Amino acid sequence: MNDGTVVLPWLVIRQDDNGNRYRVGRYATKAEAQKIADRLDDRGPKRLYWVERLNQNGGR
C-alpha cells in the first residue's frame, strides 16, 4: 500500500464477564498489540483480552 494511509491490521479485543466484546485499539504490529493486551490482562479478573488480525477487506 503506497497511498499514504496507515495500516493498523492488529486489534486488541476485550470481553467482559457478561460476554460483551469491545475493540480496545488497532495496532501496526502483532507484538505491539500483544504487549497492550498483556498489560491490560494483568489488571484484574473478569476481563479477557486477545489479539486478532483484520483480513485484507477490513473484516475479522
C-alpha atoms as a PDB file:
ATOM      1  CA  MET A   1       0.000   0.000   0.000  1.00  0.00           C
ATOM      2  CA  ASN A   2       1.576   3.193  -1.128  1.00  0.00           C
ATOM      3  CA  ASP A   3      -1.273   5.714  -0.898  1.00  0.00           C
ATOM      4  CA  GLY A   4      -0.066   7.325   2.341  1.00  0.00           C
ATOM      5  CA  THR A   5      -2.593   5.621   4.611  1.00  0.00           C
ATOM      6  CA  VAL A   6      -1.529   3.975   7.834  1.00  0.00           C
ATOM      7  CA  VAL A   7      -2.256   0.265   8.084  1.00  0.00           C
ATOM      8  CA  LEU A   8      -3.295  -0.947  11.537  1.00  0.00           C
ATOM      9  CA  PRO A   9      -4.363  -4.550  10.983  1.00  0.00           C
ATOM     10  CA  TRP A  10      -3.955  -5.826  14.559  1.00  0.00           C
ATOM     11  CA  LEU A  11      -6.850  -5.446  17.006  1.00  0.00           C
ATOM     12  CA  VAL A  12      -6.963  -5.833  20.767  1.00  0.00           C
ATOM     13  CA  ILE A  13     -10.378  -7.171  21.790  1.00  0.00           C
ATOM     14  CA  ARG A  14     -11.816  -7.163  25.307  1.00  0.00           C
ATOM     15  CA  GLN A  15     -14.540  -9.486  26.545  1.00  0.00           C
ATOM     16  CA  ASP A  16     -16.177  -8.707  29.878  1.00  0.00           C
ATOM     17  CA  ASP A  17     -17.767 -11.133  32.326  1.00  0.00           C
ATOM     18  CA  ASN A  18     -21.147 -10.752  30.565  1.00  0.00           C
ATOM     19  CA  GLY A  19     -19.703 -11.864  27.228  1.00  0.00           C
ATOM     20  CA  ASN A  20     -19.767  -8.388  25.666  1.00  0.00           C
ATOM     21  CA  ARG A  21     -16.878  -7.728  23.275  1.00  0.00           C
ATOM     22  CA  TYR A  22     -15.231  -4.386  22.570  1.00  0.00           C
ATOM     23  CA  ARG A  23     -12.432  -3.239  20.312  1.00  0.00           C
ATOM     24  CA  VAL A  24      -9.807  -1.650  22.553  1.00  0.00           C
ATOM     25  CA  GLY A  25      -7.446  -0.442  19.839  1.00  0.00           C
ATOM     26  CA  ARG A  26      -5.769  -1.041  16.498  1.00  0.00           C
ATOM     27  CA  TYR A  27      -2.019  -1.506  16.093  1.00  0.00           C
ATOM     28  CA  ALA A  28       0.545  -1.800  13.327  1.00  0.00           C
ATOM     29  CA  THR A  29       2.256  -4.946  14.612  1.00  0.00           C
ATOM     30  CA  LYS A  30       1.176  -8.079  16.401  1.00  0.00           C
ATOM     31  CA  ALA A  31       3.917  -7.555  19.003  1.00  0.00           C
ATOM     32  CA  GLU A  32       2.612  -4.074  19.830  1.00  0.00           C
ATOM     33  CA  ALA A  33      -0.976  -5.330  20.120  1.00  0.00           C
ATOM     34  CA  GLN A  34       0.072  -8.297  22.268  1.00  0.00           C
ATOM     35  CA  LYS A  35       2.029  -6.025  24.606  1.00  0.00           C
ATOM     36  CA  ILE A  36      -1.086  -3.903  25.188  1.00  0.00           C
ATOM     37  CA  ALA A  37      -3.325  -6.958  25.624  1.00  0.00           C
ATOM     38  CA  ASP A  38      -0.914  -8.476  28.158  1.00  0.00           C
ATOM     39  CA  ARG A  39      -0.671  -5.242  30.109  1.00  0.00           C
ATOM     40  CA  LEU A  40      -4.452  -4.866  30.253  1.00  0.00           C
ATOM     41  CA  ASP A  41      -4.960  -8.533  31.127  1.00  0.00           C
ATOM     42  CA  ASP A  42      -2.738  -8.115  34.201  1.00  0.00           C
ATOM     43  CA  ARG A  43      -5.113  -5.502  35.666  1.00  0.00           C
ATOM     44  CA  GLY A  44      -7.594  -7.930  37.127  1.00  0.00           C
ATOM     45  CA  PRO A  45     -10.154 -10.690  36.773  1.00  0.00           C
ATOM     46  CA  LYS A  46     -13.409 -10.825  34.827  1.00  0.00           C
ATOM     47  CA  ARG A  47     -11.874  -9.423  31.657  1.00  0.00           C
ATOM     48  CA  LEU A  48     -10.283 -11.248  28.786  1.00  0.00           C
ATOM     49  CA  TYR A  49      -8.078  -9.559  26.187  1.00  0.00           C
ATOM     50  CA  TRP A  50      -6.767 -11.051  22.954  1.00  0.00           C
ATOM     51  CA  VAL A  51      -5.279 -10.054  19.616  1.00  0.00           C
ATOM     52  CA  GLU A  52      -6.909 -10.555  16.219  1.00  0.00           C
ATOM     53  CA  ARG A  53      -5.761  -9.623  12.728  1.00  0.00           C
ATOM     54  CA  LEU A  54      -8.072  -7.886  10.278  1.00  0.00           C
ATOM     55  CA  ASN A  55      -8.289  -9.501   6.874  1.00  0.00           C
ATOM     56  CA  GLN A  56      -7.472  -7.520   3.742  1.00  0.00           C
ATOM     57  CA  ASN A  57     -11.115  -6.463   3.353  1.00  0.00           C
ATOM     58  CA  GLY A  58     -11.136  -4.826   6.784  1.00  0.00           C
ATOM     59  CA  GLY A  59     -13.101  -7.594   8.498  1.00  0.00           C
ATOM     60  CA  ARG A  60     -12.075 -10.143  11.097  1.00  0.00           C
END
